[in-house]
Amino acid sequence: STNFVISDTGMATVNFEYYGYEGITTGATVTILIE
């Protein structure tokens, strides 16, 4: 899940998350690029 918002003051906020499976998912690499 990802949510990208820019406030009136110019603050960019990126909320990001992932959910896997306990005992199966071992980790992740999350790359955020703002252009």
PDB file of all heavy atoms in Angstrom:
ATOM      1  N   SER A   1       0.848  -1.191   0.000  1.00  0.00           N
ATOM      2  CA  SER A   1       0.000   0.000   0.000  1.00  0.00           C
ATOM      3  C   SER A   1       0.882   1.239   0.000  1.00  0.00           C
ATOM      4  O   SER A   1       1.891   1.295   0.706  1.00  0.00           O
ATOM      5  CB  SER A   1      -0.893  -0.003   1.234  1.00  0.00           C
ATOM      6  OG  SER A   1      -1.654   1.188   1.294  1.00  0.00           O
ATOM      7  N   THR A   2       0.481   2.247  -0.783  1.00  0.00           N
ATOM      8  CA  THR A   2       1.228   3.491  -0.891  1.00  0.00           C
ATOM      9  C   THR A   2       0.262   4.661  -0.926  1.00  0.00           C
ATOM     10  O   THR A   2      -0.786   4.587  -1.563  1.00  0.00           O
ATOM     11  CB  THR A   2       2.066   3.512  -2.185  1.00  0.00           C
ATOM     12  OG1 THR A   2       2.947   2.397  -2.175  1.00  0.00           O
ATOM     13  CG2 THR A   2       2.872   4.776  -2.303  1.00  0.00           C
ATOM     14  N   ASN A   3       0.619   5.757  -0.251  1.00  0.00           N
ATOM     15  CA  ASN A   3      -0.163   6.980  -0.295  1.00  0.00           C
ATOM     16  C   ASN A   3       0.810   8.156  -0.381  1.00  0.00           C
ATOM     17  O   ASN A   3       1.719   8.271   0.431  1.00  0.00           O
ATOM     18  CB  ASN A   3      -1.057   7.099   0.931  1.00  0.00           C
ATOM     19  CG  ASN A   3      -1.992   8.281   0.839  1.00  0.00           C
ATOM     20  OD1 ASN A   3      -2.363   8.704  -0.250  1.00  0.00           O
ATOM     21  ND2 ASN A   3      -2.352   8.823   1.976  1.00  0.00           N
ATOM     22  N   PHE A   4       0.612   9.035  -1.373  1.00  0.00           N
ATOM     23  CA  PHE A   4       1.490  10.183  -1.615  1.00  0.00           C
ATOM     24  C   PHE A   4       0.651  11.455  -1.562  1.00  0.00           C
ATOM     25  O   PHE A   4      -0.332  11.587  -2.277  1.00  0.00           O
ATOM     26  CB  PHE A   4       2.146  10.029  -2.990  1.00  0.00           C
ATOM     27  CG  PHE A   4       2.996  11.191  -3.420  1.00  0.00           C
ATOM     28  CD1 PHE A   4       4.031  11.637  -2.626  1.00  0.00           C
ATOM     29  CD2 PHE A   4       2.774  11.813  -4.636  1.00  0.00           C
ATOM     30  CE1 PHE A   4       4.829  12.695  -3.036  1.00  0.00           C
ATOM     31  CE2 PHE A   4       3.568  12.865  -5.063  1.00  0.00           C
ATOM     32  CZ  PHE A   4       4.597  13.310  -4.257  1.00  0.00           C
ATOM     33  N   VAL A   5       1.046  12.404  -0.683  1.00  0.00           N
ATOM     34  CA  VAL A   5       0.320  13.656  -0.503  1.00  0.00           C
ATOM     35  C   VAL A   5       1.332  14.783  -0.353  1.00  0.00           C
ATOM     36  O   VAL A   5       2.393  14.602   0.250  1.00  0.00           O
ATOM     37  CB  VAL A   5      -0.585  13.602   0.751  1.00  0.00           C
ATOM     38  CG1 VAL A   5      -1.290  14.921   0.984  1.00  0.00           C
ATOM     39  CG2 VAL A   5      -1.589  12.477   0.641  1.00  0.00           C
ATOM     40  N   ILE A   6       0.981  15.959  -0.881  1.00  0.00           N
ATOM     41  CA  ILE A   6       1.793  17.158  -0.675  1.00  0.00           C
ATOM     42  C   ILE A   6       0.917  18.180   0.045  1.00  0.00           C
ATOM     43  O   ILE A   6      -0.182  18.507  -0.412  1.00  0.00           O
ATOM     44  CB  ILE A   6       2.298  17.727  -2.015  1.00  0.00           C
ATOM     45  CG1 ILE A   6       3.167  16.696  -2.724  1.00  0.00           C
ATOM     46  CG2 ILE A   6       3.084  19.021  -1.774  1.00  0.00           C
ATOM     47  CD1 ILE A   6       3.614  17.104  -4.110  1.00  0.00           C
ATOM     48  N   SER A   7       1.415  18.704   1.156  1.00  0.00           N
ATOM     49  CA  SER A   7       0.646  19.665   1.953  1.00  0.00           C
ATOM     50  C   SER A   7       0.733  21.055   1.333  1.00  0.00           C
ATOM     51  O   SER A   7       1.498  21.297   0.394  1.00  0.00           O
ATOM     52  CB  SER A   7       1.169  19.698   3.389  1.00  0.00           C
ATOM     53  OG  SER A   7       2.439  20.326   3.411  1.00  0.00           O
ATOM     54  N   ASP A   8      -0.026  22.000   1.894  1.00  0.00           N
ATOM     55  CA  ASP A   8      -0.001  23.390   1.425  1.00  0.00           C
ATOM     56  C   ASP A   8       1.363  24.046   1.619  1.00  0.00           C
ATOM     57  O   ASP A   8       1.709  24.988   0.915  1.00  0.00           O
ATOM     58  CB  ASP A   8      -1.061  24.222   2.159  1.00  0.00           C
ATOM     59  CG  ASP A   8      -2.473  23.784   1.815  1.00  0.00           C
ATOM     60  OD1 ASP A   8      -2.650  23.169   0.739  1.00  0.00           O
ATOM     61  OD2 ASP A   8      -3.386  24.047   2.615  1.00  0.00           O
ATOM     62  N   THR A   9       2.133  23.548   2.571  1.00  0.00           N
ATOM     63  CA  THR A   9       3.461  24.117   2.836  1.00  0.00           C
ATOM     64  C   THR A   9       4.558  23.460   1.993  1.00  0.00           C
ATOM     65  O   THR A   9       5.719  23.813   2.118  1.00  0.00           O
ATOM     66  CB  THR A   9       3.824  23.959   4.331  1.00  0.00           C
ATOM     67  OG1 THR A   9       3.871  22.564   4.656  1.00  0.00           O
ATOM     68  CG2 THR A   9       2.820  24.667   5.217  1.00  0.00           C
ATOM     69  N   GLY A  10       4.190  22.484   1.158  1.00  0.00           N
ATOM     70  CA  GLY A  10       5.171  21.833   0.293  1.00  0.00           C
ATOM     71  C   GLY A  10       5.814  20.597   0.899  1.00  0.00           C
ATOM     72  O   GLY A  10       6.807  20.092   0.380  1.00  0.00           O
ATOM     73  N   MET A  11       5.254  20.080   1.987  1.00  0.00           N
ATOM     74  CA  MET A  11       5.792  18.870   2.607  1.00  0.00           C
ATOM     75  C   MET A  11       5.202  17.650   1.896  1.00  0.00           C
ATOM     76  O   MET A  11       3.994  17.434   1.908  1.00  0.00           O
ATOM     77  CB  MET A  11       5.443  18.813   4.096  1.00  0.00           C
ATOM     78  CG  MET A  11       5.932  17.562   4.801  1.00  0.00           C
ATOM     79  SD  MET A  11       7.730  17.417   4.861  1.00  0.00           S
ATOM     80  CE  MET A  11       8.126  18.681   6.050  1.00  0.00           C
ATOM     81  N   ALA A  12       6.086  16.880   1.268  1.00  0.00           N
ATOM     82  CA  ALA A  12       5.661  15.636   0.614  1.00  0.00           C
ATOM     83  C   ALA A  12       5.677  14.524   1.659  1.00  0.00           C
ATOM     84  O   ALA A  12       6.660  14.361   2.386  1.00  0.00           O
ATOM     85  CB  ALA A  12       6.587  15.290  -0.536  1.00  0.00           C
ATOM     86  N   THR A  13       4.599  13.771   1.712  1.00  0.00           N
ATOM     87  CA  THR A  13       4.474  12.659   2.654  1.00  0.00           C
ATOM     88  C   THR A  13       4.158  11.397   1.862  1.00  0.00           C
ATOM     89  O   THR A  13       3.201  11.370   1.094  1.00  0.00           O
ATOM     90  CB  THR A  13       3.338  12.922   3.665  1.00  0.00           C
ATOM     91  OG1 THR A  13       3.584  14.168   4.313  1.00  0.00           O
ATOM     92  CG2 THR A  13       3.269  11.814   4.694  1.00  0.00           C
ATOM     93  N   VAL A  14       4.999  10.372   2.057  1.00  0.00           N
ATOM     94  CA  VAL A  14       4.791   9.082   1.400  1.00  0.00           C
ATOM     95  C   VAL A  14       4.589   8.040   2.488  1.00  0.00           C
ATOM     96  O   VAL A  14       5.512   7.733   3.239  1.00  0.00           O
ATOM     97  CB  VAL A  14       5.988   8.682   0.504  1.00  0.00           C
ATOM     98  CG1 VAL A  14       5.697   7.370  -0.209  1.00  0.00           C
ATOM     99  CG2 VAL A  14       6.316   9.784  -0.484  1.00  0.00           C
ATOM    100  N   ASN A  15       3.368   7.519   2.605  1.00  0.00           N
ATOM    101  CA  ASN A  15       3.078   6.405   3.512  1.00  0.00           C
ATOM    102  C   ASN A  15       3.208   5.122   2.698  1.00  0.00           C
ATOM    103  O   ASN A  15       2.602   5.008   1.640  1.00  0.00           O
ATOM    104  CB  ASN A  15       1.655   6.497   4.057  1.00  0.00           C
ATOM    105  CG  ASN A  15       1.462   7.687   4.950  1.00  0.00           C
ATOM    106  OD1 ASN A  15       2.080   7.782   5.990  1.00  0.00           O
ATOM    107  ND2 ASN A  15       0.622   8.617   4.526  1.00  0.00           N
ATOM    108  N   PHE A  16       3.988   4.169   3.193  1.00  0.00           N
ATOM    109  CA  PHE A  16       4.160   2.921   2.452  1.00  0.00           C
ATOM    110  C   PHE A  16       4.208   1.753   3.424  1.00  0.00           C
ATOM    111  O   PHE A  16       4.671   1.888   4.554  1.00  0.00           O
ATOM    112  CB  PHE A  16       5.412   2.960   1.571  1.00  0.00           C
ATOM    113  CG  PHE A  16       6.691   3.210   2.323  1.00  0.00           C
ATOM    114  CD1 PHE A  16       7.524   2.153   2.667  1.00  0.00           C
ATOM    115  CD2 PHE A  16       7.070   4.486   2.679  1.00  0.00           C
ATOM    116  CE1 PHE A  16       8.705   2.370   3.351  1.00  0.00           C
ATOM    117  CE2 PHE A  16       8.255   4.718   3.367  1.00  0.00           C
ATOM    118  CZ  PHE A  16       9.080   3.656   3.696  1.00  0.00           C
ATOM    119  N   GLU A  17       3.687   0.612   2.961  1.00  0.00           N
ATOM    120  CA  GLU A  17       3.678  -0.578   3.799  1.00  0.00           C
ATOM    121  C   GLU A  17       3.527  -1.822   2.947  1.00  0.00           C
ATOM    122  O   GLU A  17       3.025  -1.768   1.833  1.00  0.00           O
ATOM    123  CB  GLU A  17       2.552  -0.516   4.822  1.00  0.00           C
ATOM    124  CG  GLU A  17       1.162  -0.475   4.216  1.00  0.00           C
ATOM    125  CD  GLU A  17       0.060  -0.313   5.245  1.00  0.00           C
ATOM    126  OE1 GLU A  17       0.210  -0.808   6.379  1.00  0.00           O
ATOM    127  OE2 GLU A  17      -0.959   0.313   4.919  1.00  0.00           O
ATOM    128  N   TYR A  18       4.011  -2.917   3.493  1.00  0.00           N
ATOM    129  CA  TYR A  18       3.755  -4.221   2.881  1.00  0.00           C
ATOM    130  C   TYR A  18       3.453  -5.207   3.990  1.00  0.00           C
ATOM    131  O   TYR A  18       3.899  -5.052   5.132  1.00  0.00           O
ATOM    132  CB  TYR A  18       4.936  -4.706   2.016  1.00  0.00           C
ATOM    133  CG  TYR A  18       6.086  -5.286   2.798  1.00  0.00           C
ATOM    134  CD1 TYR A  18       6.136  -6.645   3.122  1.00  0.00           C
ATOM    135  CD2 TYR A  18       7.134  -4.490   3.227  1.00  0.00           C
ATOM    136  CE1 TYR A  18       7.178  -7.177   3.852  1.00  0.00           C
ATOM    137  CE2 TYR A  18       8.189  -5.017   3.944  1.00  0.00           C
ATOM    138  CZ  TYR A  18       8.208  -6.364   4.263  1.00  0.00           C
ATOM    139  OH  TYR A  18       9.244  -6.885   4.988  1.00  0.00           O
ATOM    140  N   TYR A  19       2.663  -6.209   3.659  1.00  0.00           N
ATOM    141  CA  TYR A  19       2.379  -7.317   4.566  1.00  0.00           C
ATOM    142  C   TYR A  19       2.596  -8.603   3.795  1.00  0.00           C
ATOM    143  O   TYR A  19       2.093  -8.771   2.695  1.00  0.00           O
ATOM    144  CB  TYR A  19       0.941  -7.275   5.099  1.00  0.00           C
ATOM    145  CG  TYR A  19       0.716  -6.139   6.054  1.00  0.00           C
ATOM    146  CD1 TYR A  19       0.101  -4.973   5.636  1.00  0.00           C
ATOM    147  CD2 TYR A  19       1.142  -6.227   7.372  1.00  0.00           C
ATOM    148  CE1 TYR A  19      -0.099  -3.915   6.500  1.00  0.00           C
ATOM    149  CE2 TYR A  19       0.952  -5.177   8.244  1.00  0.00           C
ATOM    150  CZ  TYR A  19       0.332  -4.026   7.801  1.00  0.00           C
ATOM    151  OH  TYR A  19       0.150  -2.977   8.671  1.00  0.00           O
ATOM    152  N   GLY A  20       3.359  -9.504   4.394  1.00  0.00           N
ATOM    153  CA  GLY A  20       3.587 -10.809   3.801  1.00  0.00           C
ATOM    154  C   GLY A  20       2.943 -11.872   4.659  1.00  0.00           C
ATOM    155  O   GLY A  20       1.886 -11.654   5.267  1.00  0.00           O
ATOM    156  N   TYR A  21       3.611 -13.002   4.737  1.00  0.00           N
ATOM    157  CA  TYR A  21       3.102 -14.140   5.485  1.00  0.00           C
ATOM    158  C   TYR A  21       4.120 -14.542   6.535  1.00  0.00           C
ATOM    159  O   TYR A  21       5.289 -14.763   6.222  1.00  0.00           O
ATOM    160  CB  TYR A  21       2.829 -15.317   4.544  1.00  0.00           C
ATOM    161  CG  TYR A  21       1.883 -14.967   3.428  1.00  0.00           C
ATOM    162  CD1 TYR A  21       2.349 -14.710   2.142  1.00  0.00           C
ATOM    163  CD2 TYR A  21       0.517 -14.875   3.661  1.00  0.00           C
ATOM    164  CE1 TYR A  21       1.474 -14.375   1.119  1.00  0.00           C
ATOM    165  CE2 TYR A  21      -0.363 -14.542   2.649  1.00  0.00           C
ATOM    166  CZ  TYR A  21       0.124 -14.295   1.379  1.00  0.00           C
ATOM    167  OH  TYR A  21      -0.736 -13.956   0.383  1.00  0.00           O
ATOM    168  N   GLU A  22       3.674 -14.619   7.780  1.00  0.00           N
ATOM    169  CA  GLU A  22       4.564 -15.001   8.868  1.00  0.00           C
ATOM    170  C   GLU A  22       5.130 -16.385   8.596  1.00  0.00           C
ATOM    171  O   GLU A  22       4.403 -17.309   8.234  1.00  0.00           O
ATOM    172  CB  GLU A  22       3.808 -14.987  10.200  1.00  0.00           C
ATOM    173  CG  GLU A  22       4.714 -15.093  11.401  1.00  0.00           C
ATOM    174  CD  GLU A  22       3.980 -14.833  12.700  1.00  0.00           C
ATOM    175  OE1 GLU A  22       2.758 -14.610  12.677  1.00  0.00           O
ATOM    176  OE2 GLU A  22       4.652 -14.857  13.738  1.00  0.00           O
ATOM    177  N   GLY A  23       6.440 -16.533   8.722  1.00  0.00           N
ATOM    178  CA  GLY A  23       7.107 -17.804   8.482  1.00  0.00           C
ATOM    179  C   GLY A  23       7.467 -18.026   7.016  1.00  0.00           C
ATOM    180  O   GLY A  23       8.161 -18.983   6.691  1.00  0.00           O
ATOM    181  N   ILE A  24       7.007 -17.155   6.130  1.00  0.00           N
ATOM    182  CA  ILE A  24       7.310 -17.290   4.697  1.00  0.00           C
ATOM    183  C   ILE A  24       8.057 -16.063   4.186  1.00  0.00           C
ATOM    184  O   ILE A  24       9.119 -16.175   3.591  1.00  0.00           O
ATOM    185  CB  ILE A  24       6.015 -17.507   3.881  1.00  0.00           C
ATOM    186  CG1 ILE A  24       5.399 -18.857   4.250  1.00  0.00           C
ATOM    187  CG2 ILE A  24       6.298 -17.429   2.388  1.00  0.00           C
ATOM    188  CD1 ILE A  24       4.064 -19.122   3.598  1.00  0.00           C
ATOM    189  N   THR A  25       7.517 -14.875   4.440  1.00  0.00           N
ATOM    190  CA  THR A  25       8.148 -13.640   3.973  1.00  0.00           C
ATOM    191  C   THR A  25       9.327 -13.312   4.876  1.00  0.00           C
ATOM    192  O   THR A  25       9.182 -13.283   6.100  1.00  0.00           O
ATOM    193  CB  THR A  25       7.130 -12.481   3.991  1.00  0.00           C
ATOM    194  OG1 THR A  25       5.994 -12.869   3.219  1.00  0.00           O
ATOM    195  CG2 THR A  25       7.737 -11.219   3.431  1.00  0.00           C
ATOM    196  N   THR A  26      10.485 -13.062   4.270  1.00  0.00           N
ATOM    197  CA  THR A  26      11.699 -12.806   5.058  1.00  0.00           C
ATOM    198  C   THR A  26      12.121 -11.350   5.073  1.00  0.00           C
ATOM    199  O   THR A  26      12.852 -10.932   5.963  1.00  0.00           O
ATOM    200  CB  THR A  26      12.869 -13.647   4.530  1.00  0.00           C
ATOM    201  OG1 THR A  26      13.078 -13.342   3.150  1.00  0.00           O
ATOM    202  CG2 THR A  26      12.596 -15.133   4.711  1.00  0.00           C
ATOM    203  N   GLY A  27      11.712 -10.561   4.107  1.00  0.00           N
ATOM    204  CA  GLY A  27      12.106  -9.155   4.086  1.00  0.00           C
ATOM    205  C   GLY A  27      11.787  -8.507   2.755  1.00  0.00           C
ATOM    206  O   GLY A  27      11.206  -9.123   1.865  1.00  0.00           O
ATOM    207  N   ALA A  28      12.200  -7.242   2.635  1.00  0.00           N
ATOM    208  CA  ALA A  28      11.899  -6.506   1.414  1.00  0.00           C
ATOM    209  C   ALA A  28      12.871  -5.362   1.226  1.00  0.00           C
ATOM    210  O   ALA A  28      13.533  -4.925   2.166  1.00  0.00           O
ATOM    211  CB  ALA A  28      10.476  -5.965   1.451  1.00  0.00           C
ATOM    212  N   THR A  29      12.935  -4.895  -0.003  1.00  0.00           N
ATOM    213  CA  THR A  29      13.610  -3.653  -0.348  1.00  0.00           C
ATOM    214  C   THR A  29      12.548  -2.743  -0.938  1.00  0.00           C
ATOM    215  O   THR A  29      11.857  -3.120  -1.884  1.00  0.00           O
ATOM    216  CB  THR A  29      14.735  -3.893  -1.369  1.00  0.00           C
ATOM    217  OG1 THR A  29      15.672  -4.801  -0.810  1.00  0.00           O
ATOM    218  CG2 THR A  29      15.426  -2.596  -1.733  1.00  0.00           C
ATOM    219  N   VAL A  30      12.409  -1.554  -0.347  1.00  0.00           N
ATOM    220  CA  VAL A  30      11.409  -0.587  -0.805  1.00  0.00           C
ATOM    221  C   VAL A  30      12.153   0.638  -1.304  1.00  0.00           C
ATOM    222  O   VAL A  30      12.948   1.225  -0.569  1.00  0.00           O
ATOM    223  CB  VAL A  30      10.438  -0.196   0.334  1.00  0.00           C
ATOM    224  CG1 VAL A  30       9.394   0.776  -0.169  1.00  0.00           C
ATOM    225  CG2 VAL A  30       9.788  -1.427   0.941  1.00  0.00           C
ATOM    226  N   THR A  31      11.928   1.002  -2.569  1.00  0.00           N
ATOM    227  CA  THR A  31      12.582   2.164  -3.166  1.00  0.00           C
ATOM    228  C   THR A  31      11.530   3.217  -3.469  1.00  0.00           C
ATOM    229  O   THR A  31      10.534   2.931  -4.132  1.00  0.00           O
ATOM    230  CB  THR A  31      13.323   1.775  -4.458  1.00  0.00           C
ATOM    231  OG1 THR A  31      14.271   0.762  -4.157  1.00  0.00           O
ATOM    232  CG2 THR A  31      14.033   2.974  -5.062  1.00  0.00           C
ATOM    233  N   ILE A  32      11.777   4.433  -2.977  1.00  0.00           N
ATOM    234  CA  ILE A  32      10.865   5.552  -3.198  1.00  0.00           C
ATOM    235  C   ILE A  32      11.571   6.570  -4.080  1.00  0.00           C
ATOM    236  O   ILE A  32      12.693   6.980  -3.791  1.00  0.00           O
ATOM    237  CB  ILE A  32      10.452   6.200  -1.867  1.00  0.00           C
ATOM    238  CG1 ILE A  32       9.755   5.174  -0.979  1.00  0.00           C
ATOM    239  CG2 ILE A  32       9.565   7.420  -2.103  1.00  0.00           C
ATOM    240  CD1 ILE A  32       9.487   5.654   0.424  1.00  0.00           C
ATOM    241  N   LEU A  33      10.905   6.971  -5.153  1.00  0.00           N
ATOM    242  CA  LEU A  33      11.448   7.952  -6.080  1.00  0.00           C
ATOM    243  C   LEU A  33      10.411   9.051  -6.275  1.00  0.00           C
ATOM    244  O   LEU A  33       9.279   8.782  -6.692  1.00  0.00           O
ATOM    245  CB  LEU A  33      11.771   7.294  -7.426  1.00  0.00           C
ATOM    246  CG  LEU A  33      12.278   8.200  -8.535  1.00  0.00           C
ATOM    247  CD1 LEU A  33      13.615   8.829  -8.156  1.00  0.00           C
ATOM    248  CD2 LEU A  33      12.397   7.430  -9.832  1.00  0.00           C
ATOM    249  N   ILE A  34      10.788  10.288  -5.937  1.00  0.00           N
ATOM    250  CA  ILE A  34       9.926  11.444  -6.177  1.00  0.00           C
ATOM    251  C   ILE A  34      10.560  12.255  -7.303  1.00  0.00           C
ATOM    252  O   ILE A  34      11.750  12.571  -7.255  1.00  0.00           O
ATOM    253  CB  ILE A  34       9.759  12.309  -4.915  1.00  0.00           C
ATOM    254  CG1 ILE A  34       9.100  11.492  -3.795  1.00  0.00           C
ATOM    255  CG2 ILE A  34       8.939  13.562  -5.226  1.00  0.00           C
ATOM    256  CD1 ILE A  34       8.978  12.236  -2.480  1.00  0.00           C
ATOM    257  N   GLU A  35       9.731  12.575  -8.310  1.00  0.00           N
ATOM    258  CA  GLU A  35      10.211  13.313  -9.475  1.00  0.00           C
ATOM    259  C   GLU A  35       9.317  14.536  -9.703  1.00  0.00           C
ATOM    260  O   GLU A  35       8.148  14.516  -9.354  1.00  0.00           O
ATOM    261  CB  GLU A  35      10.164  12.435 -10.725  1.00  0.00           C
ATOM    262  CG  GLU A  35      10.959  11.153 -10.589  1.00  0.00           C
ATOM    263  CD  GLU A  35      10.594  10.141 -11.656  1.00  0.00           C
ATOM    264  OE1 GLU A  35       9.435   9.693 -11.650  1.00  0.00           O
ATOM    265  OE2 GLU A  35      11.457   9.825 -12.484  1.00  0.00           O
TER     266      GLU A  35
END
